[in-house]
């Protein structure tokens, strides 16, 4: 059994009400090791997502694809109690993150929330009537980034964009890359700075055995502010951040003009979806993307499906496939940017 995962599993479910814990604890070891998410919705059956997909939690400690009266259904009071406990009974301390739709537990697990937005002059000021919780289980998987070390960082640092659908393992790969680059896997240790806005990349990995000995963490800072602070005060070789938006492109471009490399991620299933994203095209047109790595799917988290390299000698902006997990796929196909 993966004892690190089970430790995190037991820690996370300790926040859940005792009645629901009782049914979850009946699940067998094989199922527990596959759990990616637990979705708890008010007055609706609990759904558990594993490597096999979505299933309903039953009162006998099994999973079923069929809806029945034996499904475990949480109450409104149980939802409220879980949220209060996750906020250490001080909801106002977590309010800023809750407005963004999540809570981050001390071990780095991100808890998604559903409810109704409170607006003030077209600006979201709060969230009310929270009726759903999505618990995602982080996993620290060693050597999952080996192909990226081989194809992207073998000789020098480069600017890497990780792309995949939700739950495809982008953060898992990022964590392993941080450790490998910081630890000097290729014979050189790099100064790595992690901008951990949502406190899910490194909040649970405060010791060097998990984040690497040459890693600095800016936790809870916005990406734009964190990038600016890192460049001014920490002299990083490479900055790592997750799920960038359009608001961060200027900060990334400015940092790269100061000689800093980047690892970041975007949501997309394939290159066709990626190339229509405005922030991607801004970064590409400013030479901020050297390599693109696509992750396979949410059912195979952390698996690198393909790696593209920018053709720097071409007059046009395009990428070539230099690695493919599909043995029938061409590794010389061109991918033009918009």
Protein backbone atom coordinates (compact mmCIF):
# COMPACT_ATOMS: atom_id res chain seq x y z
CA UNK A 1 0.00 0.00 0.00
CA UNK A 2 1.11 3.58 -0.74
CA UNK A 3 1.38 4.70 2.90
CA UNK A 4 1.94 8.38 2.00
CA UNK A 5 -1.31 8.40 0.06
CA UNK A 6 -3.23 6.60 2.83
CA UNK A 7 -1.88 9.07 5.40
CA UNK A 8 -3.21 11.96 3.34
CA UNK A 9 -6.45 10.07 2.70
CA UNK A 10 -7.09 9.50 6.39
CA UNK A 11 -6.14 13.07 7.20
CA UNK A 12 -8.53 14.51 4.62
CA UNK A 13 -11.52 12.35 5.48
CA UNK A 14 -11.06 13.26 9.15
CA UNK A 15 -12.78 16.53 8.20
CA UNK A 16 -15.88 14.64 7.03
CA UNK A 17 -18.76 13.93 9.40
CA UNK A 18 -18.45 10.65 11.37
CA UNK A 19 -21.53 9.10 9.74
CA UNK A 20 -20.11 9.53 6.22
CA UNK A 21 -16.62 8.52 7.36
CA UNK A 22 -18.07 5.22 8.53
CA UNK A 23 -19.18 4.31 5.02
CA UNK A 24 -15.99 5.53 3.34
CA UNK A 25 -13.88 3.49 5.75
CA UNK A 26 -15.70 0.35 4.60
CA UNK A 27 -14.18 0.71 1.10
CA UNK A 28 -11.54 -1.87 0.34
CA UNK A 29 -7.88 -0.99 0.04
CA UNK A 30 -7.75 -1.36 -3.75
CA UNK A 31 -10.54 1.18 -4.25
CA UNK A 32 -9.07 3.64 -1.74
CA UNK A 33 -5.74 3.62 -3.59
CA UNK A 34 -7.54 4.65 -6.80
CA UNK A 35 -9.61 7.52 -5.38
CA UNK A 36 -9.07 10.84 -7.14
CA UNK A 37 -12.06 12.82 -5.86
CA UNK A 38 -14.98 12.57 -3.45
CA UNK A 39 -17.99 14.75 -4.32
CA UNK A 40 -20.34 15.50 -1.44
CA UNK A 41 -23.58 17.30 -2.42
CA UNK A 42 -26.48 18.23 -0.17
CA UNK A 43 -29.35 15.71 -0.32
CA UNK A 44 -27.75 13.87 -3.25
CA UNK A 45 -25.72 10.64 -3.33
CA UNK A 46 -21.99 10.89 -2.66
CA UNK A 47 -19.97 10.29 -5.83
CA UNK A 48 -16.46 8.84 -5.73
CA UNK A 49 -14.19 9.26 -8.74
CA UNK A 50 -11.52 6.60 -9.22
CA UNK A 51 -9.30 5.53 -12.09
CA UNK A 52 -12.39 3.75 -13.47
CA UNK A 53 -14.65 6.83 -13.47
CA UNK A 54 -17.60 8.00 -11.30
CA UNK A 55 -19.50 5.71 -8.92
CA UNK A 56 -22.00 6.09 -6.07
CA UNK A 57 -20.96 5.30 -2.49
CA UNK A 58 -23.21 2.64 -0.94
CA UNK A 59 -24.00 2.04 2.75
CA UNK A 60 -22.34 -1.39 2.62
CA UNK A 61 -18.98 0.15 1.72
CA UNK A 62 -19.06 -0.64 -1.99
CA UNK A 63 -19.27 1.47 -5.14
CA UNK A 64 -22.07 1.17 -7.69
CA UNK A 65 -22.83 2.64 -11.08
CA UNK A 66 -26.56 2.32 -10.34
CA UNK A 67 -28.57 4.84 -8.34
CA UNK A 68 -30.52 3.22 -5.48
CA UNK A 69 -31.95 3.81 -2.01
CA UNK A 70 -28.71 2.32 -0.59
CA UNK A 71 -26.63 5.30 -1.71
CA UNK A 72 -25.08 7.45 1.03
CA UNK A 73 -26.77 10.89 1.00
CA UNK A 74 -25.35 13.78 3.09
CA UNK A 75 -27.57 16.34 4.80
CA UNK A 76 -27.40 20.13 4.77
CA UNK A 77 -26.13 20.12 8.38
CA UNK A 78 -23.36 17.68 7.48
CA UNK A 79 -22.23 19.91 4.60
CA UNK A 80 -22.18 22.92 6.93
CA UNK A 81 -20.24 21.02 9.61
CA UNK A 82 -17.64 19.80 7.11
CA UNK A 83 -17.00 23.32 5.80
CA UNK A 84 -16.73 24.74 9.33
CA UNK A 85 -14.18 22.10 10.30
CA UNK A 86 -12.16 22.61 7.10
CA UNK A 87 -12.03 26.33 7.93
CA UNK A 88 -10.87 25.54 11.48
CA UNK A 89 -14.18 27.02 12.68
CA UNK A 90 -13.12 30.46 11.42
CA UNK A 91 -14.83 30.85 8.04
CA UNK A 92 -13.93 34.53 7.75
CA UNK A 93 -10.23 33.56 7.69
CA UNK A 94 -10.84 31.56 4.50
CA UNK A 95 -13.34 33.93 2.95
CA UNK A 96 -11.03 35.31 0.26
CA UNK A 97 -10.34 31.83 -1.11
CA UNK A 98 -13.97 30.76 -0.70
CA UNK A 99 -15.06 33.63 -2.93
CA UNK A 100 -12.83 32.05 -5.59
CA UNK A 101 -14.57 28.71 -5.04
CA UNK A 102 -12.14 26.69 -2.97
CA UNK A 103 -10.55 25.96 0.39
CA UNK A 104 -7.00 24.61 0.72
CA UNK A 105 -6.31 22.27 3.63
CA UNK A 106 -2.97 22.43 5.49
CA UNK A 107 -1.69 19.37 3.59
CA UNK A 108 -2.32 21.01 0.19
CA UNK A 109 -5.58 19.30 -0.71
CA UNK A 110 -7.85 21.64 -2.66
CA UNK A 111 -11.54 21.54 -1.73
CA UNK A 112 -13.88 22.87 -4.41
CA UNK A 113 -17.14 24.54 -3.39
CA UNK A 114 -20.49 25.06 -5.10
CA UNK A 115 -23.07 27.65 -4.11
CA UNK A 116 -24.52 31.05 -5.00
CA UNK A 117 -22.47 34.16 -5.71
CA UNK A 118 -23.04 37.41 -3.81
CA UNK A 119 -22.57 40.42 -6.11
CA UNK A 120 -21.86 44.06 -5.37
CA UNK A 121 -21.85 46.26 -8.49
CA UNK A 122 -20.98 43.33 -10.79
CA UNK A 123 -18.13 42.18 -8.54
CA UNK A 124 -18.37 38.90 -6.61
CA UNK A 125 -18.05 39.74 -2.94
CA UNK A 126 -19.00 36.44 -1.37
CA UNK A 127 -20.53 33.00 -1.65
CA UNK A 128 -23.64 31.69 0.13
CA UNK A 129 -25.86 28.61 0.23
CA UNK A 130 -22.87 26.28 -0.17
CA UNK A 131 -24.37 22.92 -1.07
CA UNK A 132 -21.50 20.96 -2.59
CA UNK A 133 -17.92 19.96 -1.76
CA UNK A 134 -15.39 18.38 -4.10
CA UNK A 135 -12.39 16.84 -2.33
CA UNK A 136 -9.37 16.26 -4.55
CA UNK A 137 -6.62 13.95 -3.27
CA UNK A 138 -3.08 15.12 -4.06
CA UNK A 139 -0.48 12.48 -4.79
CA UNK A 140 3.29 12.84 -4.75
CA UNK A 141 4.47 10.54 -7.54
CA UNK A 142 8.20 10.13 -8.03
CA UNK A 143 9.83 10.23 -11.48
CA UNK A 144 6.59 11.08 -13.32
CA UNK A 145 8.45 13.93 -15.05
CA UNK A 146 11.37 11.82 -16.33
CA UNK A 147 10.41 12.27 -19.99
CA UNK A 148 10.35 16.03 -19.55
CA UNK A 149 13.79 15.98 -17.96
CA UNK A 150 15.02 13.91 -20.90
CA UNK A 151 13.42 15.87 -23.76
CA UNK A 152 13.11 19.41 -22.35
CA UNK A 153 15.67 19.96 -19.59
CA UNK A 154 18.46 17.58 -20.60
CA UNK A 155 21.05 20.31 -21.20
CA UNK A 156 19.58 23.71 -20.27
CA UNK A 157 16.53 25.32 -18.78
CA UNK A 158 13.63 26.04 -21.14
CA UNK A 159 10.15 27.54 -20.97
CA UNK A 160 7.67 24.67 -20.61
CA UNK A 161 3.90 24.81 -20.90
CA UNK A 162 2.01 21.82 -19.45
CA UNK A 163 -1.39 21.23 -21.03
CA UNK A 164 -4.18 18.83 -20.12
CA UNK A 165 -7.83 18.54 -19.12
CA UNK A 166 -8.85 18.90 -15.45
CA UNK A 167 -7.47 16.13 -13.18
CA UNK A 168 -4.97 14.95 -15.81
CA UNK A 169 -2.07 15.30 -13.37
CA UNK A 170 -0.58 18.68 -14.25
CA UNK A 171 0.11 19.58 -10.61
CA UNK A 172 1.50 16.09 -9.97
CA UNK A 173 3.99 16.49 -12.83
CA UNK A 174 4.87 20.02 -11.70
CA UNK A 175 5.69 18.78 -8.18
CA UNK A 176 8.06 16.15 -9.51
CA UNK A 177 9.71 18.63 -11.90
CA UNK A 178 10.31 21.01 -8.99
CA UNK A 179 12.06 18.28 -7.03
CA UNK A 180 14.16 17.02 -9.94
CA UNK A 181 15.35 20.46 -11.10
CA UNK A 182 16.06 21.62 -7.56
CA UNK A 183 17.90 18.41 -6.64
CA UNK A 184 20.26 18.47 -9.61
CA UNK A 185 19.14 15.30 -11.36
CA UNK A 186 21.06 16.31 -14.50
CA UNK A 187 24.19 17.24 -12.58
CA UNK A 188 23.17 20.84 -11.84
CA UNK A 189 20.86 22.17 -9.17
CA UNK A 190 18.71 25.11 -10.27
CA UNK A 191 17.20 27.83 -8.07
CA UNK A 192 13.48 27.09 -8.31
CA UNK A 193 10.80 29.50 -7.12
CA UNK A 194 7.21 28.26 -6.76
CA UNK A 195 4.38 30.80 -6.93
CA UNK A 196 1.77 28.77 -5.08
CA UNK A 197 -1.28 31.04 -5.23
CA UNK A 198 -3.77 28.37 -4.16
CA UNK A 199 -1.38 26.68 -1.71
CA UNK A 200 -1.71 23.30 -3.40
CA UNK A 201 1.70 22.80 -5.06
CA UNK A 202 3.99 22.93 -2.06
CA UNK A 203 2.01 23.71 1.09
CA UNK A 204 2.25 20.09 2.26
CA UNK A 205 5.87 19.66 1.19
CA UNK A 206 7.90 21.84 3.51
CA UNK A 207 10.89 19.51 3.72
CA UNK A 208 13.60 19.20 1.08
CA UNK A 209 12.91 15.50 0.52
CA UNK A 210 9.69 16.49 -1.29
CA UNK A 211 10.28 19.92 -2.86
CA UNK A 212 14.05 19.77 -3.38
CA UNK A 213 16.85 21.51 -1.45
CA UNK A 214 17.07 24.57 -3.74
CA UNK A 215 13.39 25.57 -3.86
CA UNK A 216 11.74 28.76 -2.55
CA UNK A 217 7.97 29.01 -2.07
CA UNK A 218 5.78 32.11 -2.25
CA UNK A 219 2.51 30.77 -0.88
CA UNK A 220 -0.82 32.57 -1.23
CA UNK A 221 0.52 35.40 -3.40
CA UNK A 222 -1.19 36.21 -6.67
CA UNK A 223 0.85 34.96 -9.60
CA UNK A 224 1.56 38.45 -10.94
CA UNK A 225 2.73 39.76 -7.57
CA UNK A 226 4.65 36.59 -6.74
CA UNK A 227 6.49 36.60 -10.07
CA UNK A 228 7.47 40.25 -9.59
CA UNK A 229 8.66 39.61 -6.01
CA UNK A 230 10.65 36.55 -7.03
CA UNK A 231 12.51 38.40 -9.79
CA UNK A 232 13.32 41.34 -7.49
CA UNK A 233 14.38 39.44 -4.38
CA UNK A 234 15.06 35.74 -5.01
CA UNK A 235 17.06 35.66 -8.32
CA UNK A 236 15.43 32.41 -9.50
CA UNK A 237 16.69 30.36 -12.42
CA UNK A 238 13.17 29.14 -13.09
CA UNK A 239 9.71 30.10 -11.78
CA UNK A 240 6.92 27.54 -11.47
CA UNK A 241 3.21 28.37 -11.33
CA UNK A 242 0.00 26.52 -12.09
CA UNK A 243 -3.01 27.38 -14.29
CA UNK A 244 -2.09 30.80 -15.63
CA UNK A 245 -4.67 33.32 -16.82
CA UNK A 246 -4.56 36.36 -19.05
CA UNK A 247 -3.78 38.60 -16.06
CA UNK A 248 -0.40 36.92 -15.60
CA UNK A 249 1.00 37.23 -19.14
CA UNK A 250 2.60 40.65 -18.63
CA UNK A 251 4.38 39.54 -15.46
CA UNK A 252 5.66 36.39 -17.20
CA UNK A 253 6.94 38.34 -20.22
CA UNK A 254 8.70 40.88 -17.98
CA UNK A 255 10.35 38.12 -15.94
CA UNK A 256 11.54 36.30 -19.04
CA UNK A 257 13.07 39.55 -20.28
CA UNK A 258 15.12 39.42 -17.07
CA UNK A 259 16.48 35.99 -17.99
CA UNK A 260 14.15 33.79 -15.93
CA UNK A 261 12.70 30.54 -17.32
CA UNK A 262 9.18 29.28 -16.57
CA UNK A 263 7.09 26.17 -16.05
CA UNK A 264 3.34 26.80 -16.12
CA UNK A 265 0.12 25.10 -17.14
CA UNK A 266 -3.13 25.64 -19.04
CA UNK A 267 -6.35 23.67 -19.39
CA UNK A 268 -6.93 22.17 -22.85
CA UNK A 269 -7.45 18.67 -24.22
CA UNK A 270 -5.38 19.11 -27.38
CA UNK A 271 -3.52 21.59 -29.55
CA UNK A 272 -6.67 22.66 -31.37
CA UNK A 273 -8.19 23.86 -28.09
CA UNK A 274 -4.92 25.38 -26.92
CA UNK A 275 -4.16 27.52 -29.96
CA UNK A 276 -7.40 29.53 -29.70
CA UNK A 277 -6.62 30.66 -26.14
CA UNK A 278 -5.62 34.31 -26.06
CA UNK A 279 -3.06 33.97 -23.27
CA UNK A 280 -1.32 31.14 -25.13
CA UNK A 281 -0.99 33.23 -28.28
CA UNK A 282 0.29 36.23 -26.32
CA UNK A 283 2.99 34.10 -24.71
CA UNK A 284 3.93 32.36 -27.96
CA UNK A 285 4.21 35.64 -29.87
CA UNK A 286 6.56 36.91 -27.16
CA UNK A 287 8.78 33.79 -27.33
CA UNK A 288 7.69 32.60 -23.89
CA UNK A 289 6.94 28.97 -24.89
CA UNK A 290 9.80 26.69 -25.98
CA UNK A 291 8.10 23.35 -25.32
CA UNK A 292 4.52 22.15 -24.86
CA UNK A 293 3.80 18.89 -23.03
CA UNK A 294 0.32 17.38 -23.30
CA UNK A 295 -0.98 15.08 -20.58
CA UNK A 296 -3.11 12.15 -21.61
CA UNK A 297 -6.37 12.25 -19.61
CA UNK A 298 -7.96 12.27 -16.17
CA UNK A 299 -8.03 8.45 -16.23
CA UNK A 300 -4.23 8.28 -16.59
CA UNK A 301 -3.06 11.20 -14.42
CA UNK A 302 0.55 12.22 -14.89
CA UNK A 303 1.09 10.37 -18.18
CA UNK A 304 2.83 12.51 -20.82
CA UNK A 305 1.04 11.99 -24.14
CA UNK A 306 3.24 14.15 -26.39
CA UNK A 307 5.91 16.85 -26.31
CA UNK A 308 6.15 19.65 -28.89
CA UNK A 309 9.20 21.86 -29.51
CA UNK A 310 9.09 25.31 -31.02
CA UNK A 311 10.88 25.65 -34.37
CA UNK A 312 13.09 28.65 -33.70
CA UNK A 313 14.57 28.65 -37.21
CA UNK A 314 11.19 28.95 -38.89
CA UNK A 315 9.85 32.32 -40.05
CA UNK A 316 6.41 31.21 -38.88
CA UNK A 317 5.37 30.27 -35.34
CA UNK A 318 4.97 26.51 -35.20
CA UNK A 319 5.86 23.47 -33.13
CA UNK A 320 7.16 20.00 -34.00
CA UNK A 321 6.24 16.80 -32.19
CA UNK A 322 9.46 15.36 -30.68
CA UNK A 323 7.84 12.70 -28.45
CA UNK A 324 4.59 10.76 -28.63
CA UNK A 325 3.17 8.15 -26.28
CA UNK A 326 1.29 6.75 -29.28
CA UNK A 327 3.62 4.55 -31.30
CA UNK A 328 1.49 5.13 -34.40
CA UNK A 329 1.77 8.93 -34.16
CA UNK A 330 4.29 10.89 -36.21
CA UNK A 331 7.00 12.70 -34.24
CA UNK A 332 7.58 15.23 -37.01
CA UNK A 333 4.10 16.72 -37.38
CA UNK A 334 3.93 20.53 -37.46
CA UNK A 335 1.54 22.48 -35.22
CA UNK A 336 1.14 26.11 -36.38
CA UNK A 337 0.05 28.75 -33.87
CA UNK A 338 -2.76 31.18 -34.67
